[in-house]
Amino acid sequence: MTTRLYLVRHGATQLTAEDRFSGAVGVDLSDEGRAQVRALGARLADQPITAVYASPLSRTVETASILAAPHRLDPLHRDGLKEISHGRWEGLTRSEVEARFPGEYPAWEADPFTFAPVGGESGLAVLARALPVIREIVVAHEGESVLVVSHKATLRLVISSLLGFDARGYRDRLDQSPACLNVVDFKDAVRARLILFNDVSHYEPMPKRGGARLSNWWDAPAPR
């Protein structure tokens, strides 16, 4: 039997609009974010969702509550689904981080999977707590459809791992828009197939073009 996970990023926040690091900090959805989530909720209202799981941070809790309402479900909170912690970078823009912590930022840009800012987490640490939660959900809901609400970095890391991609490039090569929908089907707790990725057609006809979004990699000149 196939188990289907709807993996969703929370809706937009004010820090999203300002392009600030907002991993472990509590920040609420903006009005735009709530509209995005309501549109996704309408899209998923007729799907046979049997359970909803979410990170316990306020923006994911609100997103999950809106999405769970048509199904008359109460979201279950899991700490392992929280966003990556950026430590002392939280709430700062990329330029502010580069100016204040010039030794840390280049190391993180080069390898965000194993390097962590002071007080923060590496991508590897996030996977160590998030993947067991995904496995727990798949095993507990065999043959069902389950909604999982998490965060940008956490979802990119999980998807990279499930599909066997090199997770060191998760920040530069994968995107997750606010209130986006990913669909992953599981044959069992190990074998997974990506069906839909970063889809925002419920509120935007086409995804926005890629931008820097806290990374220098996109801004770098193309090699000649």
N, C-alpha and C. Protein backbone atom coordinates (compact mmCIF):
# COMPACT_ATOMS: atom_id res chain seq x y z
N MET A 1 0.84 -1.19 0.00
CA MET A 1 0.00 0.00 0.00
C MET A 1 0.88 1.25 0.00
N THR A 2 0.40 2.29 -0.63
CA THR A 2 1.15 3.55 -0.71
C THR A 2 0.68 4.51 0.38
N THR A 3 1.62 5.06 1.10
CA THR A 3 1.35 6.10 2.07
C THR A 3 1.73 7.44 1.45
N ARG A 4 0.84 8.39 1.49
CA ARG A 4 1.10 9.69 0.86
C ARG A 4 1.29 10.77 1.94
N LEU A 5 2.39 11.50 1.84
CA LEU A 5 2.62 12.64 2.70
C LEU A 5 2.50 13.92 1.89
N TYR A 6 1.65 14.82 2.37
CA TYR A 6 1.60 16.18 1.83
C TYR A 6 2.54 17.02 2.70
N LEU A 7 3.69 17.35 2.17
CA LEU A 7 4.68 18.14 2.90
C LEU A 7 4.49 19.61 2.55
N VAL A 8 4.22 20.43 3.55
CA VAL A 8 3.84 21.83 3.32
C VAL A 8 4.76 22.75 4.12
N ARG A 9 5.22 23.80 3.47
CA ARG A 9 5.90 24.86 4.21
C ARG A 9 4.84 25.83 4.74
N HIS A 10 5.08 26.42 5.89
CA HIS A 10 4.16 27.42 6.44
C HIS A 10 4.01 28.62 5.50
N GLY A 11 2.98 29.39 5.70
CA GLY A 11 2.77 30.59 4.89
C GLY A 11 3.75 31.70 5.22
N ALA A 12 3.70 32.76 4.44
CA ALA A 12 4.65 33.86 4.58
C ALA A 12 4.51 34.57 5.92
N THR A 13 5.63 35.12 6.38
CA THR A 13 5.67 35.94 7.60
C THR A 13 6.31 37.29 7.24
N GLN A 14 6.33 38.19 8.18
CA GLN A 14 6.99 39.47 7.93
C GLN A 14 8.49 39.28 7.73
N LEU A 15 9.07 38.34 8.46
CA LEU A 15 10.51 38.09 8.29
C LEU A 15 10.80 37.47 6.93
N THR A 16 9.84 36.71 6.39
CA THR A 16 10.00 36.19 5.03
C THR A 16 10.12 37.34 4.05
N ALA A 17 9.23 38.32 4.20
CA ALA A 17 9.22 39.47 3.29
C ALA A 17 10.51 40.27 3.39
N GLU A 18 11.09 40.32 4.58
CA GLU A 18 12.32 41.09 4.78
C GLU A 18 13.58 40.27 4.52
N ASP A 19 13.41 38.99 4.15
CA ASP A 19 14.53 38.11 3.82
C ASP A 19 15.51 38.02 5.00
N ARG A 20 14.96 37.71 6.16
CA ARG A 20 15.77 37.58 7.37
C ARG A 20 15.83 36.12 7.81
N PHE A 21 16.92 35.76 8.47
CA PHE A 21 17.02 34.44 9.05
C PHE A 21 15.99 34.31 10.17
N SER A 22 15.12 33.32 10.04
CA SER A 22 14.04 33.15 11.03
C SER A 22 13.82 31.67 11.29
N GLY A 23 14.86 31.01 11.76
CA GLY A 23 14.76 29.58 11.99
C GLY A 23 14.00 29.22 13.24
N ALA A 24 14.66 29.33 14.39
CA ALA A 24 14.07 28.88 15.63
C ALA A 24 13.23 29.94 16.33
N VAL A 25 13.21 31.17 15.80
CA VAL A 25 12.44 32.23 16.47
C VAL A 25 10.96 32.06 16.17
N GLY A 26 10.14 32.50 17.13
CA GLY A 26 8.70 32.47 16.93
C GLY A 26 8.24 33.71 16.18
N VAL A 27 7.59 33.51 15.06
CA VAL A 27 7.08 34.62 14.27
C VAL A 27 5.75 34.18 13.66
N ASP A 28 4.75 35.05 13.67
CA ASP A 28 3.43 34.70 13.20
C ASP A 28 3.30 34.88 11.69
N LEU A 29 2.28 34.26 11.11
CA LEU A 29 1.98 34.46 9.71
C LEU A 29 1.57 35.92 9.46
N SER A 30 1.92 36.42 8.31
CA SER A 30 1.42 37.73 7.87
C SER A 30 0.03 37.54 7.26
N ASP A 31 -0.64 38.64 6.95
CA ASP A 31 -1.93 38.53 6.27
C ASP A 31 -1.78 37.82 4.93
N GLU A 32 -0.70 38.13 4.23
CA GLU A 32 -0.43 37.44 2.97
C GLU A 32 -0.27 35.95 3.21
N GLY A 33 0.46 35.58 4.25
CA GLY A 33 0.67 34.17 4.55
C GLY A 33 -0.63 33.45 4.86
N ARG A 34 -1.50 34.08 5.61
CA ARG A 34 -2.80 33.44 5.91
C ARG A 34 -3.62 33.25 4.64
N ALA A 35 -3.58 34.21 3.74
CA ALA A 35 -4.31 34.06 2.47
C ALA A 35 -3.74 32.90 1.66
N GLN A 36 -2.42 32.77 1.64
CA GLN A 36 -1.79 31.66 0.93
C GLN A 36 -2.25 30.31 1.51
N VAL A 37 -2.27 30.23 2.82
CA VAL A 37 -2.63 28.98 3.48
C VAL A 37 -4.11 28.66 3.27
N ARG A 38 -4.96 29.66 3.34
CA ARG A 38 -6.39 29.42 3.09
C ARG A 38 -6.60 28.87 1.67
N ALA A 39 -5.85 29.40 0.71
CA ALA A 39 -5.96 28.90 -0.66
C ALA A 39 -5.54 27.44 -0.75
N LEU A 40 -4.46 27.09 -0.04
CA LEU A 40 -4.03 25.69 -0.02
C LEU A 40 -5.05 24.83 0.71
N GLY A 41 -5.64 25.36 1.77
CA GLY A 41 -6.66 24.61 2.49
C GLY A 41 -7.85 24.26 1.60
N ALA A 42 -8.26 25.20 0.76
CA ALA A 42 -9.36 24.92 -0.17
C ALA A 42 -8.96 23.85 -1.16
N ARG A 43 -7.71 23.89 -1.59
CA ARG A 43 -7.21 22.90 -2.56
C ARG A 43 -7.21 21.49 -1.97
N LEU A 44 -6.90 21.38 -0.67
CA LEU A 44 -6.77 20.07 -0.04
C LEU A 44 -8.03 19.61 0.69
N ALA A 45 -9.06 20.43 0.67
CA ALA A 45 -10.25 20.15 1.48
C ALA A 45 -10.89 18.81 1.15
N ASP A 46 -10.82 18.38 -0.10
CA ASP A 46 -11.48 17.12 -0.50
C ASP A 46 -10.54 15.92 -0.47
N GLN A 47 -9.31 16.12 -0.06
CA GLN A 47 -8.36 15.00 0.01
C GLN A 47 -8.61 14.17 1.28
N PRO A 48 -8.41 12.87 1.21
CA PRO A 48 -8.71 12.00 2.36
C PRO A 48 -7.61 12.02 3.41
N ILE A 49 -7.37 13.19 3.98
CA ILE A 49 -6.30 13.35 4.97
C ILE A 49 -6.78 12.83 6.32
N THR A 50 -5.98 11.94 6.91
CA THR A 50 -6.38 11.29 8.16
C THR A 50 -5.65 11.81 9.38
N ALA A 51 -4.56 12.55 9.18
CA ALA A 51 -3.81 13.10 10.31
C ALA A 51 -3.01 14.31 9.85
N VAL A 52 -2.75 15.20 10.79
CA VAL A 52 -1.96 16.40 10.50
C VAL A 52 -0.87 16.53 11.56
N TYR A 53 0.36 16.68 11.12
CA TYR A 53 1.50 16.88 12.01
C TYR A 53 2.14 18.23 11.70
N ALA A 54 2.74 18.85 12.72
CA ALA A 54 3.34 20.16 12.51
C ALA A 54 4.48 20.40 13.49
N SER A 55 5.39 21.22 13.07
CA SER A 55 6.37 21.82 13.96
C SER A 55 5.62 22.64 15.01
N PRO A 56 6.16 22.75 16.23
CA PRO A 56 5.46 23.50 17.27
C PRO A 56 5.66 25.01 17.24
N LEU A 57 6.37 25.53 16.24
CA LEU A 57 6.55 26.98 16.15
C LEU A 57 5.25 27.64 15.69
N SER A 58 5.04 28.89 16.08
CA SER A 58 3.73 29.52 15.89
C SER A 58 3.30 29.58 14.43
N ARG A 59 4.22 29.83 13.51
CA ARG A 59 3.83 29.97 12.11
C ARG A 59 3.39 28.64 11.51
N THR A 60 3.97 27.54 11.97
CA THR A 60 3.54 26.23 11.47
C THR A 60 2.28 25.76 12.18
N VAL A 61 2.14 26.10 13.45
CA VAL A 61 0.93 25.72 14.18
C VAL A 61 -0.29 26.39 13.55
N GLU A 62 -0.18 27.68 13.24
CA GLU A 62 -1.31 28.37 12.62
C GLU A 62 -1.60 27.81 11.23
N THR A 63 -0.55 27.56 10.45
CA THR A 63 -0.73 26.98 9.12
C THR A 63 -1.44 25.64 9.22
N ALA A 64 -0.97 24.78 10.12
CA ALA A 64 -1.56 23.45 10.27
C ALA A 64 -3.01 23.53 10.74
N SER A 65 -3.32 24.47 11.62
CA SER A 65 -4.69 24.60 12.12
C SER A 65 -5.66 25.00 11.01
N ILE A 66 -5.22 25.91 10.16
CA ILE A 66 -6.07 26.32 9.03
C ILE A 66 -6.30 25.15 8.08
N LEU A 67 -5.24 24.41 7.79
CA LEU A 67 -5.35 23.30 6.84
C LEU A 67 -6.12 22.11 7.43
N ALA A 68 -6.05 21.94 8.74
CA ALA A 68 -6.71 20.79 9.38
C ALA A 68 -8.20 21.00 9.57
N ALA A 69 -8.63 22.27 9.61
CA ALA A 69 -10.03 22.56 9.95
C ALA A 69 -11.05 21.85 9.05
N PRO A 70 -10.89 21.85 7.71
CA PRO A 70 -11.89 21.17 6.87
C PRO A 70 -11.98 19.67 7.14
N HIS A 71 -10.93 19.10 7.73
CA HIS A 71 -10.90 17.66 7.98
C HIS A 71 -11.27 17.32 9.43
N ARG A 72 -11.56 18.36 10.21
CA ARG A 72 -11.94 18.18 11.62
C ARG A 72 -10.87 17.40 12.39
N LEU A 73 -9.62 17.80 12.16
CA LEU A 73 -8.49 17.15 12.82
C LEU A 73 -7.76 18.16 13.69
N ASP A 74 -7.14 17.67 14.74
CA ASP A 74 -6.27 18.49 15.58
C ASP A 74 -4.82 18.18 15.23
N PRO A 75 -4.03 19.20 14.86
CA PRO A 75 -2.62 18.94 14.51
C PRO A 75 -1.84 18.38 15.70
N LEU A 76 -0.97 17.45 15.39
CA LEU A 76 -0.06 16.85 16.37
C LEU A 76 1.30 17.51 16.22
N HIS A 77 1.87 18.00 17.30
CA HIS A 77 3.13 18.73 17.23
C HIS A 77 4.32 17.80 17.44
N ARG A 78 5.36 18.00 16.64
CA ARG A 78 6.58 17.21 16.76
C ARG A 78 7.78 18.15 16.71
N ASP A 79 8.60 18.13 17.75
CA ASP A 79 9.77 19.00 17.82
C ASP A 79 10.74 18.75 16.67
N GLY A 80 10.80 17.52 16.20
CA GLY A 80 11.74 17.18 15.13
C GLY A 80 11.46 17.88 13.83
N LEU A 81 10.26 18.44 13.67
CA LEU A 81 9.89 19.14 12.44
C LEU A 81 10.23 20.63 12.47
N LYS A 82 10.82 21.11 13.58
CA LYS A 82 11.14 22.53 13.68
C LYS A 82 12.17 22.95 12.63
N GLU A 83 12.24 24.25 12.40
CA GLU A 83 13.19 24.80 11.44
C GLU A 83 14.61 24.73 12.01
N ILE A 84 15.58 24.75 11.11
CA ILE A 84 16.97 24.81 11.51
C ILE A 84 17.21 26.06 12.34
N SER A 85 17.97 25.93 13.41
CA SER A 85 18.31 27.09 14.23
C SER A 85 19.56 27.76 13.67
N HIS A 86 19.49 29.06 13.49
CA HIS A 86 20.64 29.82 13.01
C HIS A 86 21.41 30.48 14.15
N GLY A 87 21.10 30.12 15.38
CA GLY A 87 21.86 30.63 16.50
C GLY A 87 21.83 32.15 16.58
N ARG A 88 23.02 32.75 16.66
CA ARG A 88 23.08 34.21 16.84
C ARG A 88 22.76 34.99 15.57
N TRP A 89 22.48 34.29 14.47
CA TRP A 89 22.08 34.97 13.24
C TRP A 89 20.58 35.28 13.20
N GLU A 90 19.82 34.71 14.10
CA GLU A 90 18.36 34.81 14.00
C GLU A 90 17.90 36.27 13.95
N GLY A 91 16.99 36.55 13.01
CA GLY A 91 16.41 37.87 12.86
C GLY A 91 17.23 38.83 12.04
N LEU A 92 18.44 38.43 11.62
CA LEU A 92 19.31 39.31 10.85
C LEU A 92 19.18 39.05 9.35
N THR A 93 19.49 40.07 8.55
CA THR A 93 19.55 39.89 7.10
C THR A 93 20.90 39.28 6.74
N ARG A 94 21.04 38.82 5.51
CA ARG A 94 22.31 38.25 5.06
C ARG A 94 23.44 39.26 5.17
N SER A 95 23.20 40.50 4.74
CA SER A 95 24.26 41.51 4.78
C SER A 95 24.69 41.80 6.21
N GLU A 96 23.73 41.77 7.15
CA GLU A 96 24.07 41.99 8.56
C GLU A 96 24.91 40.84 9.10
N VAL A 97 24.57 39.63 8.72
CA VAL A 97 25.36 38.47 9.16
C VAL A 97 26.77 38.53 8.59
N GLU A 98 26.88 38.85 7.31
CA GLU A 98 28.21 38.94 6.68
C GLU A 98 29.08 39.99 7.36
N ALA A 99 28.46 41.10 7.76
CA ALA A 99 29.22 42.18 8.39
C ALA A 99 29.62 41.83 9.82
N ARG A 100 28.73 41.20 10.57
CA ARG A 100 28.99 40.94 11.98
C ARG A 100 29.81 39.67 12.21
N PHE A 101 29.61 38.66 11.35
CA PHE A 101 30.27 37.37 11.56
C PHE A 101 30.98 36.91 10.28
N PRO A 102 31.97 37.69 9.82
CA PRO A 102 32.62 37.39 8.53
C PRO A 102 33.34 36.05 8.50
N GLY A 103 33.73 35.54 9.66
CA GLY A 103 34.38 34.24 9.66
C GLY A 103 33.43 33.08 9.52
N GLU A 104 32.21 33.26 10.01
CA GLU A 104 31.23 32.17 9.99
C GLU A 104 30.53 32.05 8.65
N TYR A 105 30.14 33.19 8.08
CA TYR A 105 29.25 33.12 6.92
C TYR A 105 29.86 32.38 5.73
N PRO A 106 31.11 32.64 5.33
CA PRO A 106 31.67 31.90 4.19
C PRO A 106 31.74 30.39 4.44
N ALA A 107 32.04 30.00 5.68
CA ALA A 107 32.10 28.57 5.99
C ALA A 107 30.73 27.93 5.86
N TRP A 108 29.70 28.65 6.28
CA TRP A 108 28.34 28.13 6.16
C TRP A 108 27.89 28.08 4.71
N GLU A 109 28.24 29.09 3.93
CA GLU A 109 27.91 29.08 2.51
C GLU A 109 28.55 27.91 1.80
N ALA A 110 29.80 27.59 2.18
CA ALA A 110 30.52 26.51 1.52
C ALA A 110 29.95 25.14 1.86
N ASP A 111 29.49 24.97 3.10
CA ASP A 111 28.97 23.66 3.51
C ASP A 111 27.97 23.81 4.65
N PRO A 112 26.73 24.17 4.33
CA PRO A 112 25.72 24.33 5.38
C PRO A 112 25.26 23.00 5.96
N PHE A 113 25.68 21.90 5.36
CA PHE A 113 25.25 20.59 5.84
C PHE A 113 26.00 20.18 7.10
N THR A 114 27.29 20.51 7.18
CA THR A 114 28.07 20.09 8.35
C THR A 114 28.49 21.26 9.24
N PHE A 115 28.44 22.49 8.72
CA PHE A 115 28.83 23.65 9.52
C PHE A 115 27.60 24.28 10.16
N ALA A 116 27.76 24.77 11.38
CA ALA A 116 26.67 25.46 12.08
C ALA A 116 27.19 26.77 12.66
N PRO A 117 26.42 27.85 12.57
CA PRO A 117 26.79 29.10 13.25
C PRO A 117 26.83 28.88 14.76
N VAL A 118 27.49 29.77 15.46
CA VAL A 118 27.54 29.68 16.92
C VAL A 118 26.11 29.67 17.48
N GLY A 119 25.81 28.66 18.26
CA GLY A 119 24.48 28.54 18.85
C GLY A 119 23.43 27.96 17.94
N GLY A 120 23.82 27.59 16.72
CA GLY A 120 22.86 27.08 15.75
C GLY A 120 23.05 25.61 15.43
N GLU A 121 22.39 25.16 14.36
CA GLU A 121 22.42 23.76 13.96
C GLU A 121 23.00 23.61 12.55
N SER A 122 23.59 22.49 12.29
CA SER A 122 23.97 22.13 10.94
C SER A 122 22.80 21.42 10.27
N GLY A 123 22.86 21.30 8.94
CA GLY A 123 21.84 20.54 8.24
C GLY A 123 21.81 19.10 8.70
N LEU A 124 22.98 18.55 8.99
CA LEU A 124 23.07 17.17 9.46
C LEU A 124 22.30 16.98 10.77
N ALA A 125 22.42 17.96 11.66
CA ALA A 125 21.70 17.88 12.94
C ALA A 125 20.19 17.93 12.73
N VAL A 126 19.75 18.73 11.76
CA VAL A 126 18.31 18.80 11.46
C VAL A 126 17.80 17.46 10.95
N LEU A 127 18.55 16.85 10.04
CA LEU A 127 18.13 15.54 9.52
C LEU A 127 18.07 14.49 10.62
N ALA A 128 18.99 14.58 11.56
CA ALA A 128 19.04 13.59 12.64
C ALA A 128 17.77 13.61 13.49
N ARG A 129 17.10 14.77 13.57
CA ARG A 129 15.86 14.83 14.34
C ARG A 129 14.61 14.75 13.48
N ALA A 130 14.70 15.19 12.20
CA ALA A 130 13.51 15.24 11.35
C ALA A 130 13.19 13.89 10.71
N LEU A 131 14.20 13.19 10.22
CA LEU A 131 13.94 11.93 9.53
C LEU A 131 13.26 10.88 10.41
N PRO A 132 13.64 10.74 11.68
CA PRO A 132 12.91 9.78 12.52
C PRO A 132 11.42 10.12 12.66
N VAL A 133 11.09 11.42 12.66
CA VAL A 133 9.68 11.81 12.73
C VAL A 133 8.95 11.40 11.45
N ILE A 134 9.57 11.64 10.30
CA ILE A 134 8.96 11.23 9.03
C ILE A 134 8.74 9.72 9.01
N ARG A 135 9.73 8.98 9.47
CA ARG A 135 9.59 7.53 9.50
C ARG A 135 8.45 7.13 10.45
N GLU A 136 8.39 7.76 11.61
CA GLU A 136 7.32 7.48 12.57
C GLU A 136 5.95 7.70 11.93
N ILE A 137 5.80 8.78 11.20
CA ILE A 137 4.51 9.10 10.57
C ILE A 137 4.15 8.06 9.51
N VAL A 138 5.12 7.71 8.67
CA VAL A 138 4.86 6.74 7.60
C VAL A 138 4.47 5.38 8.18
N VAL A 139 5.16 4.95 9.21
CA VAL A 139 4.87 3.65 9.83
C VAL A 139 3.51 3.66 10.52
N ALA A 140 3.18 4.77 11.17
CA ALA A 140 1.93 4.85 11.93
C ALA A 140 0.70 5.00 11.03
N HIS A 141 0.91 5.43 9.79
CA HIS A 141 -0.24 5.73 8.91
C HIS A 141 -0.11 4.99 7.57
N GLU A 142 0.21 3.74 7.63
CA GLU A 142 0.38 2.95 6.41
C GLU A 142 -0.88 3.00 5.54
N GLY A 143 -0.69 3.34 4.27
CA GLY A 143 -1.80 3.37 3.34
C GLY A 143 -2.69 4.60 3.43
N GLU A 144 -2.33 5.56 4.28
CA GLU A 144 -3.15 6.75 4.47
C GLU A 144 -2.51 7.97 3.82
N SER A 145 -3.23 9.08 3.87
CA SER A 145 -2.72 10.36 3.40
C SER A 145 -2.59 11.29 4.60
N VAL A 146 -1.40 11.85 4.80
CA VAL A 146 -1.10 12.63 6.00
C VAL A 146 -0.49 13.96 5.60
N LEU A 147 -0.89 15.01 6.30
CA LEU A 147 -0.37 16.35 6.08
C LEU A 147 0.72 16.64 7.10
N VAL A 148 1.87 17.14 6.62
CA VAL A 148 3.00 17.47 7.49
C VAL A 148 3.41 18.91 7.20
N VAL A 149 3.33 19.79 8.21
CA VAL A 149 3.66 21.20 8.04
C VAL A 149 4.98 21.49 8.73
N SER A 150 5.94 21.96 7.95
CA SER A 150 7.26 22.22 8.49
C SER A 150 7.82 23.52 7.90
N HIS A 151 9.12 23.55 7.67
CA HIS A 151 9.82 24.79 7.33
C HIS A 151 10.71 24.60 6.10
N LYS A 152 11.20 25.72 5.59
CA LYS A 152 11.94 25.74 4.34
C LYS A 152 13.16 24.82 4.36
N ALA A 153 14.09 25.08 5.27
CA ALA A 153 15.32 24.29 5.30
C ALA A 153 15.03 22.84 5.68
N THR A 154 14.18 22.64 6.66
CA THR A 154 13.88 21.28 7.11
C THR A 154 13.30 20.44 5.98
N LEU A 155 12.36 21.00 5.22
CA LEU A 155 11.75 20.26 4.12
C LEU A 155 12.76 19.98 3.01
N ARG A 156 13.61 20.95 2.70
CA ARG A 156 14.61 20.72 1.65
C ARG A 156 15.57 19.62 2.07
N LEU A 157 15.97 19.61 3.32
CA LEU A 157 16.87 18.57 3.80
C LEU A 157 16.20 17.19 3.78
N VAL A 158 14.96 17.13 4.23
CA VAL A 158 14.24 15.85 4.24
C VAL A 158 14.06 15.31 2.83
N ILE A 159 13.64 16.16 1.91
CA ILE A 159 13.43 15.72 0.53
C ILE A 159 14.75 15.28 -0.09
N SER A 160 15.82 16.01 0.15
CA SER A 160 17.14 15.62 -0.36
C SER A 160 17.50 14.22 0.11
N SER A 161 17.31 13.98 1.40
CA SER A 161 17.67 12.68 1.96
C SER A 161 16.79 11.55 1.43
N LEU A 162 15.49 11.78 1.37
CA LEU A 162 14.57 10.73 0.90
C LEU A 162 14.87 10.31 -0.54
N LEU A 163 15.31 11.28 -1.35
CA LEU A 163 15.55 10.99 -2.77
C LEU A 163 17.00 10.65 -3.06
N GLY A 164 17.85 10.66 -2.04
CA GLY A 164 19.24 10.28 -2.23
C GLY A 164 20.09 11.35 -2.87
N PHE A 165 19.68 12.63 -2.76
CA PHE A 165 20.48 13.72 -3.30
C PHE A 165 21.60 14.08 -2.33
N ASP A 166 22.63 14.74 -2.84
CA ASP A 166 23.69 15.27 -1.99
C ASP A 166 23.14 16.46 -1.22
N ALA A 167 22.93 16.27 0.06
CA ALA A 167 22.27 17.31 0.87
C ALA A 167 23.14 18.54 1.09
N ARG A 168 24.41 18.48 0.73
CA ARG A 168 25.26 19.66 0.90
C ARG A 168 24.78 20.82 0.02
N GLY A 169 24.07 20.53 -1.05
CA GLY A 169 23.57 21.57 -1.94
C GLY A 169 22.12 21.92 -1.72
N TYR A 170 21.56 21.55 -0.57
CA TYR A 170 20.12 21.74 -0.39
C TYR A 170 19.70 23.20 -0.46
N ARG A 171 20.53 24.13 0.00
CA ARG A 171 20.13 25.53 0.02
C ARG A 171 20.18 26.16 -1.37
N ASP A 172 21.12 25.73 -2.18
CA ASP A 172 21.33 26.37 -3.47
C ASP A 172 20.50 25.77 -4.59
N ARG A 173 20.14 24.52 -4.48
CA ARG A 173 19.52 23.83 -5.62
C ARG A 173 18.06 23.46 -5.43
N LEU A 174 17.54 23.62 -4.23
CA LEU A 174 16.13 23.34 -3.96
C LEU A 174 15.49 24.57 -3.33
N ASP A 175 14.25 24.83 -3.69
CA ASP A 175 13.53 25.96 -3.09
C ASP A 175 12.24 25.46 -2.46
N GLN A 176 11.73 26.23 -1.52
CA GLN A 176 10.43 25.97 -0.92
C GLN A 176 9.76 27.32 -0.68
N SER A 177 8.75 27.62 -1.49
CA SER A 177 8.04 28.88 -1.37
C SER A 177 7.07 28.82 -0.19
N PRO A 178 6.65 29.98 0.33
CA PRO A 178 5.66 29.97 1.41
C PRO A 178 4.39 29.24 1.00
N ALA A 179 3.88 28.41 1.90
CA ALA A 179 2.63 27.66 1.68
C ALA A 179 2.69 26.79 0.43
N CYS A 180 3.88 26.30 0.10
CA CYS A 180 4.00 25.42 -1.07
C CYS A 180 3.58 24.00 -0.70
N LEU A 181 3.25 23.23 -1.72
CA LEU A 181 2.83 21.85 -1.55
C LEU A 181 3.82 20.91 -2.22
N ASN A 182 4.28 19.93 -1.45
CA ASN A 182 5.07 18.82 -1.98
C ASN A 182 4.29 17.54 -1.70
N VAL A 183 4.34 16.60 -2.62
CA VAL A 183 3.68 15.30 -2.41
C VAL A 183 4.72 14.21 -2.56
N VAL A 184 4.85 13.37 -1.54
CA VAL A 184 5.79 12.26 -1.55
C VAL A 184 5.03 10.99 -1.22
N ASP A 185 5.14 10.00 -2.09
CA ASP A 185 4.52 8.70 -1.85
C ASP A 185 5.56 7.72 -1.33
N PHE A 186 5.18 6.93 -0.33
CA PHE A 186 6.06 5.95 0.29
C PHE A 186 5.54 4.54 0.03
N LYS A 187 6.40 3.69 -0.52
CA LYS A 187 6.07 2.27 -0.63
C LYS A 187 6.23 1.60 0.73
N ASP A 188 7.21 2.07 1.48
CA ASP A 188 7.43 1.65 2.86
C ASP A 188 8.18 2.79 3.54
N ALA A 189 8.74 2.54 4.71
CA ALA A 189 9.39 3.63 5.45
C ALA A 189 10.69 4.10 4.81
N VAL A 190 11.20 3.37 3.82
CA VAL A 190 12.48 3.70 3.19
C VAL A 190 12.31 4.17 1.75
N ARG A 191 11.47 3.50 0.99
CA ARG A 191 11.33 3.79 -0.44
C ARG A 191 10.30 4.90 -0.66
N ALA A 192 10.79 6.01 -1.23
CA ALA A 192 9.93 7.19 -1.43
C ALA A 192 10.04 7.68 -2.86
N ARG A 193 8.96 8.28 -3.35
CA ARG A 193 8.93 8.84 -4.70
C ARG A 193 8.32 10.24 -4.64
N LEU A 194 9.03 11.23 -5.18
CA LEU A 194 8.53 12.60 -5.22
C LEU A 194 7.53 12.74 -6.36
N ILE A 195 6.31 13.15 -6.02
CA ILE A 195 5.24 13.29 -6.99
C ILE A 195 5.03 14.75 -7.39
N LEU A 196 5.18 15.65 -6.44
CA LEU A 196 4.96 17.08 -6.68
C LEU A 196 5.93 17.86 -5.81
N PHE A 197 6.49 18.96 -6.36
CA PHE A 197 7.51 19.70 -5.62
C PHE A 197 7.26 21.20 -5.69
N ASN A 198 7.27 21.86 -4.54
CA ASN A 198 7.22 23.32 -4.43
C ASN A 198 6.11 23.94 -5.28
N ASP A 199 4.93 23.35 -5.21
CA ASP A 199 3.82 23.83 -6.04
C ASP A 199 3.03 24.90 -5.29
N VAL A 200 2.82 26.04 -5.95
CA VAL A 200 2.06 27.15 -5.36
C VAL A 200 0.92 27.58 -6.26
N SER A 201 0.45 26.68 -7.12
CA SER A 201 -0.58 27.04 -8.09
C SER A 201 -1.91 27.40 -7.42
N HIS A 202 -2.08 27.08 -6.15
CA HIS A 202 -3.30 27.46 -5.43
C HIS A 202 -3.36 28.95 -5.16
N TYR A 203 -2.23 29.66 -5.20
CA TYR A 203 -2.29 31.11 -5.01
C TYR A 203 -1.47 31.90 -6.02
N GLU A 204 -0.70 31.22 -6.88
CA GLU A 204 0.13 31.93 -7.86
C GLU A 204 0.24 31.06 -9.11
N PRO A 205 -0.11 31.59 -10.28
CA PRO A 205 -0.09 30.77 -11.50
C PRO A 205 1.28 30.15 -11.79
N MET A 206 2.32 30.92 -11.58
CA MET A 206 3.68 30.42 -11.81
C MET A 206 4.56 30.83 -10.63
N PRO A 207 5.51 29.97 -10.21
CA PRO A 207 6.42 30.36 -9.12
C PRO A 207 7.24 31.58 -9.52
N LYS A 208 7.61 32.37 -8.52
CA LYS A 208 8.49 33.50 -8.78
C LYS A 208 9.86 33.00 -9.23
N ARG A 209 10.54 33.83 -10.03
CA ARG A 209 11.89 33.48 -10.45
C ARG A 209 12.81 33.41 -9.25
N GLY A 210 13.79 32.53 -9.33
CA GLY A 210 14.72 32.34 -8.23
C GLY A 210 15.49 33.60 -7.92
N GLY A 211 15.70 33.87 -6.64
CA GLY A 211 16.49 35.02 -6.22
C GLY A 211 17.54 34.58 -5.22
N ALA A 212 18.23 35.52 -4.64
CA ALA A 212 19.33 35.20 -3.74
C ALA A 212 18.83 34.48 -2.49
N ARG A 213 17.82 35.05 -1.82
CA ARG A 213 17.21 34.44 -0.64
C ARG A 213 18.25 33.94 0.36
N LEU A 214 19.02 34.86 0.88
CA LEU A 214 19.99 34.62 1.94
C LEU A 214 21.20 33.81 1.47
N SER A 215 21.40 33.67 0.19
CA SER A 215 22.54 32.92 -0.33
C SER A 215 23.30 33.73 -1.37
N ASN A 216 24.62 33.69 -1.28
CA ASN A 216 25.44 34.37 -2.28
C ASN A 216 25.58 33.56 -3.56
N TRP A 217 25.29 32.28 -3.48
CA TRP A 217 25.52 31.38 -4.61
C TRP A 217 24.78 31.83 -5.85
N TRP A 218 23.53 32.25 -5.68
CA TRP A 218 22.71 32.68 -6.83
C TRP A 218 23.21 33.99 -7.41
N ASP A 219 23.81 34.83 -6.56
CA ASP A 219 24.28 36.15 -7.00
C ASP A 219 25.63 36.09 -7.71
N ALA A 220 26.34 35.00 -7.53
CA ALA A 220 27.71 34.93 -8.06
C ALA A 220 27.69 34.99 -9.59
N PRO A 221 28.67 35.67 -10.24
CA PRO A 221 28.72 35.72 -11.69
C PRO A 221 28.90 34.31 -12.29
N ALA A 222 28.26 34.07 -13.41
CA ALA A 222 28.40 32.78 -14.08
C ALA A 222 29.83 32.64 -14.62
N PRO A 223 30.41 31.43 -14.54
CA PRO A 223 31.77 31.23 -15.06
C PRO A 223 31.81 31.46 -16.57
N ARG A 224 32.89 32.05 -17.04
CA ARG A 224 33.04 32.31 -18.47
C ARG A 224 33.78 31.16 -19.16
